[in-house]
Amino acid sequence: MFQLMDWVKSHFVTERDLRATAWALGSRHRGEIGAGARAEIRLPNKSSSQRAVLRAVIRDEARKAQAPDRQGGSSAASGE
């Protein structure tokens, strides 16, 4: 039972961990967060929990790329 709990904890990624890792990747890879995560996940010195965070970053970056632009400022949204 403890092994199962350890496995779950190692694969659970908090929003805080996701943001912190994305910020660090952006710093190390000149703003290329997704590319940095894909490069670092291949490194042999990463633990399973670090790989889980990197996979979460890759998923989050893909989700952001597919999301519509919220900065557009449409007049329908402002009630005009």
Protein backbone atom coordinates (compact mmCIF):
# COMPACT_ATOMS: atom_id res chain seq x y z
CA MET A 1 0.00 0.00 0.00
CA PHE A 2 2.84 2.39 0.81
CA GLN A 3 4.41 1.77 -2.59
CA LEU A 4 1.16 2.79 -4.25
CA MET A 5 1.00 6.00 -2.20
CA ASP A 6 4.63 6.79 -3.04
CA TRP A 7 3.91 6.23 -6.74
CA VAL A 8 0.86 8.51 -6.64
CA LYS A 9 2.77 11.24 -4.80
CA SER A 10 5.63 11.03 -7.29
CA HIS A 11 3.23 11.54 -10.22
CA PHE A 12 1.05 14.26 -8.68
CA VAL A 13 2.05 17.73 -9.89
CA THR A 14 0.80 20.80 -8.08
CA GLU A 15 0.05 24.04 -9.89
CA ARG A 16 2.85 25.65 -7.87
CA ASP A 17 5.39 23.04 -9.04
CA LEU A 18 4.18 23.45 -12.61
CA ARG A 19 4.60 27.25 -12.57
CA ALA A 20 7.98 27.09 -10.83
CA THR A 21 9.33 24.53 -13.27
CA ALA A 22 8.01 26.46 -16.29
CA TRP A 23 9.65 29.63 -14.99
CA ALA A 24 12.97 27.85 -14.44
CA LEU A 25 12.81 26.23 -17.88
CA GLY A 26 12.10 29.60 -19.46
CA SER A 27 15.15 31.03 -17.74
CA ARG A 28 17.43 28.17 -18.78
CA HIS A 29 16.14 27.86 -22.35
CA ARG A 30 15.71 31.51 -23.39
CA GLY A 31 11.92 31.52 -23.08
CA GLU A 32 11.42 28.25 -24.94
CA ILE A 33 9.61 26.42 -22.13
CA GLY A 34 8.18 23.53 -24.17
CA ALA A 35 11.39 22.89 -26.06
CA GLY A 36 13.37 23.07 -22.83
CA ALA A 37 11.07 20.57 -21.13
CA ARG A 38 11.33 18.17 -24.08
CA ALA A 39 15.13 18.46 -24.03
CA GLU A 40 15.46 18.01 -20.28
CA ILE A 41 13.09 15.04 -20.06
CA ARG A 42 15.60 13.07 -22.17
CA LEU A 43 18.44 13.65 -19.69
CA PRO A 44 19.42 10.50 -17.79
CA ASN A 45 19.82 12.27 -14.43
CA LYS A 46 16.11 13.11 -14.01
CA SER A 47 14.06 11.29 -11.36
CA SER A 48 10.58 9.94 -12.07
CA SER A 49 9.00 12.83 -10.18
CA GLN A 50 11.04 15.37 -12.18
CA ARG A 51 9.96 13.66 -15.39
CA ALA A 52 6.33 13.83 -14.25
CA VAL A 53 6.64 17.60 -13.74
CA LEU A 54 8.29 18.01 -17.14
CA ARG A 55 5.49 15.99 -18.80
CA ALA A 56 2.95 18.24 -17.07
CA VAL A 57 4.77 21.32 -18.37
CA ILE A 58 4.72 19.90 -21.92
CA ARG A 59 0.96 19.20 -21.63
CA ASP A 60 0.32 22.68 -20.23
CA GLU A 61 2.31 24.36 -23.01
CA ALA A 62 0.40 22.35 -25.64
CA ARG A 63 -2.90 23.33 -24.02
CA LYS A 64 -1.89 27.01 -24.03
CA ALA A 65 -0.90 26.81 -27.69
CA GLN A 66 -4.34 25.47 -28.63
CA ALA A 67 -6.34 27.89 -26.45
CA PRO A 68 -7.86 30.95 -28.12
CA ASP A 69 -6.11 34.25 -27.48
CA ARG A 70 -7.68 35.91 -24.42
CA GLN A 71 -5.80 39.16 -24.90
CA GLY A 72 -7.85 40.10 -27.98
CA GLY A 73 -10.18 42.53 -26.19
CA SER A 74 -13.36 41.96 -28.19
CA SER A 75 -16.08 44.58 -27.88
CA ALA A 76 -18.70 41.88 -27.16
CA ALA A 77 -16.87 40.93 -23.99
CA SER A 78 -16.81 44.53 -22.77
CA GLY A 79 -20.57 44.93 -23.27
CA GLU A 80 -20.45 47.52 -26.05
